[in-house]
């Protein structure tokens, strides 16, 4: 789960797809954590 990207591998039936990834901003490099790199 980084910026506008994520992958769901189990329990996808709970997801409500109510956000448009195209409207989500990419992460600012200043707020990235170790796991983003």
ModelCIF file with pLDDT and N, C-alpha, C, O atoms, coordinates in Angstrom:
data_MODEL
#
_entry.id   MODEL 
#
_entity.id                         1 
_entity.type                       polymer 
_entity.pdbx_number_of_molecules   1 
#
_entity_poly.entity_id                      1 
_entity_poly.type                           'polypeptide(L)' 
_entity_poly.nstd_linkage                   no 
_entity_poly.nstd_monomer                   no 
_entity_poly.pdbx_seq_one_letter_code       
;(UNK)(UNK)(UNK)(UNK)(UNK)(UNK)(UNK)(UNK)(UNK)(UNK)(UNK)(UNK)(UNK)(UNK)(UNK)(UNK)
(UNK)(UNK)(UNK)(UNK)(UNK)(UNK)(UNK)(UNK)(UNK)(UNK)(UNK)(UNK)(UNK)(UNK)(UNK)(UNK)
(UNK)(UNK)(UNK)(UNK)(UNK)
;
_entity_poly.pdbx_seq_one_letter_code_can   XXXXXXXXXXXXXXXXXXXXXXXXXXXXXXXXXXXXX 
_entity_poly.pdbx_strand_id                 A 
#
loop_
_entity_poly_seq.entity_id 
_entity_poly_seq.num 
_entity_poly_seq.mon_id 
_entity_poly_seq.hetero 
1 1  UNK n 
1 2  UNK n 
1 3  UNK n 
1 4  UNK n 
1 5  UNK n 
1 6  UNK n 
1 7  UNK n 
1 8  UNK n 
1 9  UNK n 
1 10 UNK n 
1 11 UNK n 
1 12 UNK n 
1 13 UNK n 
1 14 UNK n 
1 15 UNK n 
1 16 UNK n 
1 17 UNK n 
1 18 UNK n 
1 19 UNK n 
1 20 UNK n 
1 21 UNK n 
1 22 UNK n 
1 23 UNK n 
1 24 UNK n 
1 25 UNK n 
1 26 UNK n 
1 27 UNK n 
1 28 UNK n 
1 29 UNK n 
1 30 UNK n 
1 31 UNK n 
1 32 UNK n 
1 33 UNK n 
1 34 UNK n 
1 35 UNK n 
1 36 UNK n 
1 37 UNK n 
#
_struct_asym.id          A 
_struct_asym.entity_id   1 
#
loop_
_ma_qa_metric.id 
_ma_qa_metric.mode 
_ma_qa_metric.name 
_ma_qa_metric.software_group_id 
_ma_qa_metric.type 
1 global pLDDT . pLDDT 
2 local  pLDDT . pLDDT 
#
_ma_qa_metric_global.metric_id      1 
_ma_qa_metric_global.metric_value   78.49 
_ma_qa_metric_global.model_id       1 
_ma_qa_metric_global.ordinal_id     1 
#
loop_
_ma_qa_metric_local.label_asym_id 
_ma_qa_metric_local.label_comp_id 
_ma_qa_metric_local.label_seq_id 
_ma_qa_metric_local.metric_id 
_ma_qa_metric_local.metric_value 
_ma_qa_metric_local.model_id 
_ma_qa_metric_local.ordinal_id 
A UNK 1  2 92.00 1 1  
A UNK 2  2 89.00 1 2  
A UNK 3  2 85.00 1 3  
A UNK 4  2 87.00 1 4  
A UNK 5  2 91.00 1 5  
A UNK 6  2 94.00 1 6  
A UNK 7  2 94.00 1 7  
A UNK 8  2 95.00 1 8  
A UNK 9  2 95.00 1 9  
A UNK 10 2 95.00 1 10 
A UNK 11 2 94.00 1 11 
A UNK 12 2 95.00 1 12 
A UNK 13 2 96.00 1 13 
A UNK 14 2 96.00 1 14 
A UNK 15 2 95.00 1 15 
A UNK 16 2 95.00 1 16 
A UNK 17 2 95.00 1 17 
A UNK 18 2 94.00 1 18 
A UNK 19 2 90.00 1 19 
A UNK 20 2 90.00 1 20 
A UNK 21 2 89.00 1 21 
A UNK 22 2 87.00 1 22 
A UNK 23 2 86.00 1 23 
A UNK 24 2 84.00 1 24 
A UNK 25 2 77.00 1 25 
A UNK 26 2 75.00 1 26 
A UNK 27 2 70.00 1 27 
A UNK 28 2 64.00 1 28 
A UNK 29 2 58.00 1 29 
A UNK 30 2 52.00 1 30 
A UNK 31 2 52.00 1 31 
A UNK 32 2 53.00 1 32 
A UNK 33 2 50.00 1 33 
A UNK 34 2 43.00 1 34 
A UNK 35 2 37.00 1 35 
A UNK 36 2 35.00 1 36 
A UNK 37 2 35.00 1 37 
#
loop_
_atom_site.group_PDB 
_atom_site.id 
_atom_site.type_symbol 
_atom_site.label_atom_id 
_atom_site.label_alt_id 
_atom_site.label_comp_id 
_atom_site.label_asym_id 
_atom_site.label_entity_id 
_atom_site.label_seq_id 
_atom_site.pdbx_PDB_ins_code 
_atom_site.Cartn_x 
_atom_site.Cartn_y 
_atom_site.Cartn_z 
_atom_site.occupancy 
_atom_site.B_iso_or_equiv 
_atom_site.pdbx_formal_charge 
_atom_site.auth_seq_id 
_atom_site.auth_comp_id 
_atom_site.auth_asym_id 
_atom_site.auth_atom_id 
_atom_site.pdbx_PDB_model_num 
ATOM 1   N N  . UNK A 1 1  ? 0.859   -1.196  0.000   1.00 92.00 ? 1  UNK A N  1 
ATOM 2   C CA . UNK A 1 1  ? 0.000   0.000   0.000   1.00 92.00 ? 1  UNK A CA 1 
ATOM 3   C C  . UNK A 1 1  ? 0.887   1.235   0.000   1.00 92.00 ? 1  UNK A C  1 
ATOM 4   O O  . UNK A 1 1  ? 1.322   1.703   1.053   1.00 92.00 ? 1  UNK A O  1 
ATOM 5   N N  . UNK A 1 2  ? 1.150   1.757   -1.191  1.00 89.00 ? 2  UNK A N  1 
ATOM 6   C CA . UNK A 1 2  ? 2.033   2.906   -1.343  1.00 89.00 ? 2  UNK A CA 1 
ATOM 7   C C  . UNK A 1 2  ? 1.440   3.866   -2.359  1.00 89.00 ? 2  UNK A C  1 
ATOM 8   O O  . UNK A 1 2  ? 1.218   3.512   -3.517  1.00 89.00 ? 2  UNK A O  1 
ATOM 9   N N  . UNK A 1 3  ? 1.185   5.092   -1.904  1.00 85.00 ? 3  UNK A N  1 
ATOM 10  C CA . UNK A 1 3  ? 0.583   6.057   -2.810  1.00 85.00 ? 3  UNK A CA 1 
ATOM 11  C C  . UNK A 1 3  ? -0.773  5.593   -3.278  1.00 85.00 ? 3  UNK A C  1 
ATOM 12  O O  . UNK A 1 3  ? -1.657  5.356   -2.456  1.00 85.00 ? 3  UNK A O  1 
ATOM 13  N N  . UNK A 1 4  ? -0.963  5.456   -4.573  1.00 87.00 ? 4  UNK A N  1 
ATOM 14  C CA . UNK A 1 4  ? -2.251  5.036   -5.125  1.00 87.00 ? 4  UNK A CA 1 
ATOM 15  C C  . UNK A 1 4  ? -2.324  3.529   -5.362  1.00 87.00 ? 4  UNK A C  1 
ATOM 16  O O  . UNK A 1 4  ? -3.352  3.031   -5.822  1.00 87.00 ? 4  UNK A O  1 
ATOM 17  N N  . UNK A 1 5  ? -1.254  2.794   -5.056  1.00 91.00 ? 5  UNK A N  1 
ATOM 18  C CA . UNK A 1 5  ? -1.189  1.366   -5.367  1.00 91.00 ? 5  UNK A CA 1 
ATOM 19  C C  . UNK A 1 5  ? -1.410  0.505   -4.131  1.00 91.00 ? 5  UNK A C  1 
ATOM 20  O O  . UNK A 1 5  ? -1.014  0.877   -3.026  1.00 91.00 ? 5  UNK A O  1 
ATOM 21  N N  . UNK A 1 6  ? -2.039  -0.637  -4.321  1.00 94.00 ? 6  UNK A N  1 
ATOM 22  C CA . UNK A 1 6  ? -2.087  -1.690  -3.308  1.00 94.00 ? 6  UNK A CA 1 
ATOM 23  C C  . UNK A 1 6  ? -2.459  -2.996  -3.991  1.00 94.00 ? 6  UNK A C  1 
ATOM 24  O O  . UNK A 1 6  ? -2.919  -2.999  -5.133  1.00 94.00 ? 6  UNK A O  1 
ATOM 25  N N  . UNK A 1 7  ? -2.256  -4.107  -3.288  1.00 94.00 ? 7  UNK A N  1 
ATOM 26  C CA . UNK A 1 7  ? -2.632  -5.432  -3.786  1.00 94.00 ? 7  UNK A CA 1 
ATOM 27  C C  . UNK A 1 7  ? -3.408  -6.136  -2.683  1.00 94.00 ? 7  UNK A C  1 
ATOM 28  O O  . UNK A 1 7  ? -2.966  -6.157  -1.534  1.00 94.00 ? 7  UNK A O  1 
ATOM 29  N N  . UNK A 1 8  ? -4.562  -6.716  -3.016  1.00 95.00 ? 8  UNK A N  1 
ATOM 30  C CA . UNK A 1 8  ? -5.327  -7.498  -2.047  1.00 95.00 ? 8  UNK A CA 1 
ATOM 31  C C  . UNK A 1 8  ? -5.263  -8.962  -2.464  1.00 95.00 ? 8  UNK A C  1 
ATOM 32  O O  . UNK A 1 8  ? -5.580  -9.297  -3.606  1.00 95.00 ? 8  UNK A O  1 
ATOM 33  N N  . UNK A 1 9  ? -4.853  -9.837  -1.543  1.00 95.00 ? 9  UNK A N  1 
ATOM 34  C CA . UNK A 1 9  ? -4.668  -11.256 -1.857  1.00 95.00 ? 9  UNK A CA 1 
ATOM 35  C C  . UNK A 1 9  ? -5.611  -12.167 -1.088  1.00 95.00 ? 9  UNK A C  1 
ATOM 36  O O  . UNK A 1 9  ? -5.603  -13.380 -1.299  1.00 95.00 ? 9  UNK A O  1 
ATOM 37  N N  . UNK A 1 10 ? -6.422  -11.604 -0.201  1.00 95.00 ? 10 UNK A N  1 
ATOM 38  C CA . UNK A 1 10 ? -7.395  -12.414 0.534   1.00 95.00 ? 10 UNK A CA 1 
ATOM 39  C C  . UNK A 1 10 ? -8.501  -11.501 1.035   1.00 95.00 ? 10 UNK A C  1 
ATOM 40  O O  . UNK A 1 10 ? -8.271  -10.322 1.303   1.00 95.00 ? 10 UNK A O  1 
ATOM 41  N N  . UNK A 1 11 ? -9.712  -12.057 1.160   1.00 94.00 ? 11 UNK A N  1 
ATOM 42  C CA . UNK A 1 11 ? -10.830 -11.307 1.726   1.00 94.00 ? 11 UNK A CA 1 
ATOM 43  C C  . UNK A 1 11 ? -11.276 -10.111 0.906   1.00 94.00 ? 11 UNK A C  1 
ATOM 44  O O  . UNK A 1 11 ? -11.760 -9.126  1.463   1.00 94.00 ? 11 UNK A O  1 
ATOM 45  N N  . UNK A 1 12 ? -11.122 -10.181 -0.409  1.00 95.00 ? 12 UNK A N  1 
ATOM 46  C CA . UNK A 1 12 ? -11.467 -9.045  -1.270  1.00 95.00 ? 12 UNK A CA 1 
ATOM 47  C C  . UNK A 1 12 ? -12.951 -8.715  -1.260  1.00 95.00 ? 12 UNK A C  1 
ATOM 48  O O  . UNK A 1 12 ? -13.349 -7.630  -1.684  1.00 95.00 ? 12 UNK A O  1 
ATOM 49  N N  . UNK A 1 13 ? -13.780 -9.653  -0.775  1.00 96.00 ? 13 UNK A N  1 
ATOM 50  C CA . UNK A 1 13 ? -15.229 -9.415  -0.757  1.00 96.00 ? 13 UNK A CA 1 
ATOM 51  C C  . UNK A 1 13 ? -15.604 -8.266  0.183   1.00 96.00 ? 13 UNK A C  1 
ATOM 52  O O  . UNK A 1 13 ? -16.696 -7.711  0.051   1.00 96.00 ? 13 UNK A O  1 
ATOM 53  N N  . UNK A 1 14 ? -14.746 -7.897  1.113   1.00 96.00 ? 14 UNK A N  1 
ATOM 54  C CA . UNK A 1 14 ? -15.065 -6.797  2.030   1.00 96.00 ? 14 UNK A CA 1 
ATOM 55  C C  . UNK A 1 14 ? -14.830 -5.425  1.395   1.00 96.00 ? 14 UNK A C  1 
ATOM 56  O O  . UNK A 1 14 ? -15.336 -4.418  1.890   1.00 96.00 ? 14 UNK A O  1 
ATOM 57  N N  . UNK A 1 15 ? -14.063 -5.381  0.299   1.00 95.00 ? 15 UNK A N  1 
ATOM 58  C CA . UNK A 1 15 ? -13.669 -4.097  -0.257  1.00 95.00 ? 15 UNK A CA 1 
ATOM 59  C C  . UNK A 1 15 ? -14.842 -3.380  -0.938  1.00 95.00 ? 15 UNK A C  1 
ATOM 60  O O  . UNK A 1 15 ? -15.611 -3.983  -1.686  1.00 95.00 ? 15 UNK A O  1 
ATOM 61  N N  . UNK A 1 16 ? -14.954 -2.092  -0.660  1.00 95.00 ? 16 UNK A N  1 
ATOM 62  C CA . UNK A 1 16 ? -15.882 -1.192  -1.350  1.00 95.00 ? 16 UNK A CA 1 
ATOM 63  C C  . UNK A 1 16 ? -15.007 -0.239  -2.162  1.00 95.00 ? 16 UNK A C  1 
ATOM 64  O O  . UNK A 1 16 ? -14.280 0.579   -1.599  1.00 95.00 ? 16 UNK A O  1 
ATOM 65  N N  . UNK A 1 17 ? -15.081 -0.350  -3.471  1.00 95.00 ? 17 UNK A N  1 
ATOM 66  C CA . UNK A 1 17 ? -14.178 0.399   -4.352  1.00 95.00 ? 17 UNK A CA 1 
ATOM 67  C C  . UNK A 1 17 ? -14.753 1.792   -4.606  1.00 95.00 ? 17 UNK A C  1 
ATOM 68  O O  . UNK A 1 17 ? -15.324 2.054   -5.664  1.00 95.00 ? 17 UNK A O  1 
ATOM 69  N N  . UNK A 1 18 ? -14.597 2.673   -3.635  1.00 94.00 ? 18 UNK A N  1 
ATOM 70  C CA . UNK A 1 18 ? -15.236 3.992   -3.720  1.00 94.00 ? 18 UNK A CA 1 
ATOM 71  C C  . UNK A 1 18 ? -14.233 5.124   -3.922  1.00 94.00 ? 18 UNK A C  1 
ATOM 72  O O  . UNK A 1 18 ? -14.573 6.291   -3.725  1.00 94.00 ? 18 UNK A O  1 
ATOM 73  N N  . UNK A 1 19 ? -13.014 4.797   -4.311  1.00 90.00 ? 19 UNK A N  1 
ATOM 74  C CA . UNK A 1 19 ? -12.015 5.834   -4.585  1.00 90.00 ? 19 UNK A CA 1 
ATOM 75  C C  . UNK A 1 19 ? -11.436 5.616   -5.975  1.00 90.00 ? 19 UNK A C  1 
ATOM 76  O O  . UNK A 1 19 ? -11.185 4.480   -6.378  1.00 90.00 ? 19 UNK A O  1 
ATOM 77  N N  . UNK A 1 20 ? -11.225 6.701   -6.703  1.00 90.00 ? 20 UNK A N  1 
ATOM 78  C CA . UNK A 1 20 ? -10.624 6.646   -8.034  1.00 90.00 ? 20 UNK A CA 1 
ATOM 79  C C  . UNK A 1 20 ? -9.110  6.817   -7.886  1.00 90.00 ? 20 UNK A C  1 
ATOM 80  O O  . UNK A 1 20 ? -8.652  7.904   -7.535  1.00 90.00 ? 20 UNK A O  1 
ATOM 81  N N  . UNK A 1 21 ? -8.323  5.765   -8.147  1.00 89.00 ? 21 UNK A N  1 
ATOM 82  C CA . UNK A 1 21 ? -6.870  5.891   -7.989  1.00 89.00 ? 21 UNK A CA 1 
ATOM 83  C C  . UNK A 1 21 ? -6.273  7.034   -8.802  1.00 89.00 ? 21 UNK A C  1 
ATOM 84  O O  . UNK A 1 21 ? -5.252  7.606   -8.421  1.00 89.00 ? 21 UNK A O  1 
ATOM 85  N N  . UNK A 1 22 ? -6.908  7.362   -9.916  1.00 87.00 ? 22 UNK A N  1 
ATOM 86  C CA . UNK A 1 22 ? -6.380  8.448   -10.748 1.00 87.00 ? 22 UNK A CA 1 
ATOM 87  C C  . UNK A 1 22 ? -6.419  9.790   -10.028 1.00 87.00 ? 22 UNK A C  1 
ATOM 88  O O  . UNK A 1 22 ? -5.677  10.708  -10.378 1.00 87.00 ? 22 UNK A O  1 
ATOM 89  N N  . UNK A 1 23 ? -7.281  9.905   -9.022  1.00 86.00 ? 23 UNK A N  1 
ATOM 90  C CA . UNK A 1 23 ? -7.401  11.150  -8.273  1.00 86.00 ? 23 UNK A CA 1 
ATOM 91  C C  . UNK A 1 23 ? -6.565  11.152  -6.992  1.00 86.00 ? 23 UNK A C  1 
ATOM 92  O O  . UNK A 1 23 ? -6.552  12.135  -6.251  1.00 86.00 ? 23 UNK A O  1 
ATOM 93  N N  . UNK A 1 24 ? -5.870  10.043  -6.742  1.00 84.00 ? 24 UNK A N  1 
ATOM 94  C CA . UNK A 1 24 ? -5.044  9.942   -5.533  1.00 84.00 ? 24 UNK A CA 1 
ATOM 95  C C  . UNK A 1 24 ? -3.627  10.392  -5.855  1.00 84.00 ? 24 UNK A C  1 
ATOM 96  O O  . UNK A 1 24 ? -3.038  9.956   -6.844  1.00 84.00 ? 24 UNK A O  1 
ATOM 97  N N  . UNK A 1 25 ? -3.089  11.259  -5.023  1.00 77.00 ? 25 UNK A N  1 
ATOM 98  C CA . UNK A 1 25 ? -1.741  11.761  -5.241  1.00 77.00 ? 25 UNK A CA 1 
ATOM 99  C C  . UNK A 1 25 ? -0.705  10.699  -4.885  1.00 77.00 ? 25 UNK A C  1 
ATOM 100 O O  . UNK A 1 25 ? -0.889  9.934   -3.938  1.00 77.00 ? 25 UNK A O  1 
ATOM 101 N N  . UNK A 1 26 ? 0.391   10.659  -5.655  1.00 75.00 ? 26 UNK A N  1 
ATOM 102 C CA . UNK A 1 26 ? 1.505   9.794   -5.293  1.00 75.00 ? 26 UNK A CA 1 
ATOM 103 C C  . UNK A 1 26 ? 2.137   10.305  -4.004  1.00 75.00 ? 26 UNK A C  1 
ATOM 104 O O  . UNK A 1 26 ? 2.006   11.481  -3.663  1.00 75.00 ? 26 UNK A O  1 
ATOM 105 N N  . UNK A 1 27 ? 2.818   9.422   -3.299  1.00 70.00 ? 27 UNK A N  1 
ATOM 106 C CA . UNK A 1 27 ? 3.455   9.800   -2.046  1.00 70.00 ? 27 UNK A CA 1 
ATOM 107 C C  . UNK A 1 27 ? 4.526   10.845  -2.257  1.00 70.00 ? 27 UNK A C  1 
ATOM 108 O O  . UNK A 1 27 ? 5.311   10.770  -3.203  1.00 70.00 ? 27 UNK A O  1 
ATOM 109 N N  . UNK A 1 28 ? 4.551   11.821  -1.364  1.00 64.00 ? 28 UNK A N  1 
ATOM 110 C CA . UNK A 1 28 ? 5.648   12.769  -1.308  1.00 64.00 ? 28 UNK A CA 1 
ATOM 111 C C  . UNK A 1 28 ? 6.869   12.035  -0.752  1.00 64.00 ? 28 UNK A C  1 
ATOM 112 O O  . UNK A 1 28 ? 6.765   11.333  0.255   1.00 64.00 ? 28 UNK A O  1 
ATOM 113 N N  . UNK A 1 29 ? 8.011   12.192  -1.396  1.00 58.00 ? 29 UNK A N  1 
ATOM 114 C CA . UNK A 1 29 ? 9.212   11.466  -0.965  1.00 58.00 ? 29 UNK A CA 1 
ATOM 115 C C  . UNK A 1 29 ? 9.594   11.787  0.471   1.00 58.00 ? 29 UNK A C  1 
ATOM 116 O O  . UNK A 1 29 ? 10.230  10.969  1.135   1.00 58.00 ? 29 UNK A O  1 
ATOM 117 N N  . UNK A 1 30 ? 9.219   12.964  0.963   1.00 52.00 ? 30 UNK A N  1 
ATOM 118 C CA . UNK A 1 30 ? 9.566   13.341  2.331   1.00 52.00 ? 30 UNK A CA 1 
ATOM 119 C C  . UNK A 1 30 ? 8.798   12.540  3.369   1.00 52.00 ? 30 UNK A C  1 
ATOM 120 O O  . UNK A 1 30 ? 9.230   12.452  4.518   1.00 52.00 ? 30 UNK A O  1 
ATOM 121 N N  . UNK A 1 31 ? 7.650   11.944  2.984   1.00 52.00 ? 31 UNK A N  1 
ATOM 122 C CA . UNK A 1 31 ? 6.839   11.191  3.945   1.00 52.00 ? 31 UNK A CA 1 
ATOM 123 C C  . UNK A 1 31 ? 6.980   9.686   3.780   1.00 52.00 ? 31 UNK A C  1 
ATOM 124 O O  . UNK A 1 31 ? 6.295   8.919   4.457   1.00 52.00 ? 31 UNK A O  1 
ATOM 125 N N  . UNK A 1 32 ? 7.868   9.257   2.880   1.00 53.00 ? 32 UNK A N  1 
ATOM 126 C CA . UNK A 1 32 ? 8.037   7.828   2.661   1.00 53.00 ? 32 UNK A CA 1 
ATOM 127 C C  . UNK A 1 32 ? 8.722   7.176   3.839   1.00 53.00 ? 32 UNK A C  1 
ATOM 128 O O  . UNK A 1 32 ? 9.635   7.744   4.438   1.00 53.00 ? 32 UNK A O  1 
ATOM 129 N N  . UNK A 1 33 ? 8.275   5.981   4.165   1.00 50.00 ? 33 UNK A N  1 
ATOM 130 C CA . UNK A 1 33 ? 8.878   5.211   5.233   1.00 50.00 ? 33 UNK A CA 1 
ATOM 131 C C  . UNK A 1 33 ? 9.805   4.170   4.633   1.00 50.00 ? 33 UNK A C  1 
ATOM 132 O O  . UNK A 1 33 ? 9.859   3.990   3.416   1.00 50.00 ? 33 UNK A O  1 
ATOM 133 N N  . UNK A 1 34 ? 10.528  3.492   5.501   1.00 43.00 ? 34 UNK A N  1 
ATOM 134 C CA . UNK A 1 34 ? 11.486  2.484   5.076   1.00 43.00 ? 34 UNK A CA 1 
ATOM 135 C C  . UNK A 1 34 ? 10.862  1.479   4.111   1.00 43.00 ? 34 UNK A C  1 
ATOM 136 O O  . UNK A 1 34 ? 11.460  1.141   3.089   1.00 43.00 ? 34 UNK A O  1 
ATOM 137 N N  . UNK A 1 35 ? 9.670   1.005   4.432   1.00 37.00 ? 35 UNK A N  1 
ATOM 138 C CA . UNK A 1 35 ? 9.053   -0.045  3.629   1.00 37.00 ? 35 UNK A CA 1 
ATOM 139 C C  . UNK A 1 35 ? 8.637   0.442   2.256   1.00 37.00 ? 35 UNK A C  1 
ATOM 140 O O  . UNK A 1 35 ? 8.306   -0.373  1.395   1.00 37.00 ? 35 UNK A O  1 
ATOM 141 N N  . UNK A 1 36 ? 8.645   1.768   2.021   1.00 35.00 ? 36 UNK A N  1 
ATOM 142 C CA . UNK A 1 36 ? 8.344   2.289   0.695   1.00 35.00 ? 36 UNK A CA 1 
ATOM 143 C C  . UNK A 1 36 ? 9.548   2.169   -0.219  1.00 35.00 ? 36 UNK A C  1 
ATOM 144 O O  . UNK A 1 36 ? 9.408   2.103   -1.440  1.00 35.00 ? 36 UNK A O  1 
ATOM 145 N N  . UNK A 1 37 ? 10.732  2.141   0.379   1.00 35.00 ? 37 UNK A N  1 
ATOM 146 C CA . UNK A 1 37 ? 11.952  2.078   -0.393  1.00 35.00 ? 37 UNK A CA 1 
ATOM 147 C C  . UNK A 1 37 ? 12.374  0.631   -0.624  1.00 35.00 ? 37 UNK A C  1 
ATOM 148 O O  . UNK A 1 37 ? 13.394  0.380   -1.266  1.00 35.00 ? 37 UNK A O  1 
#
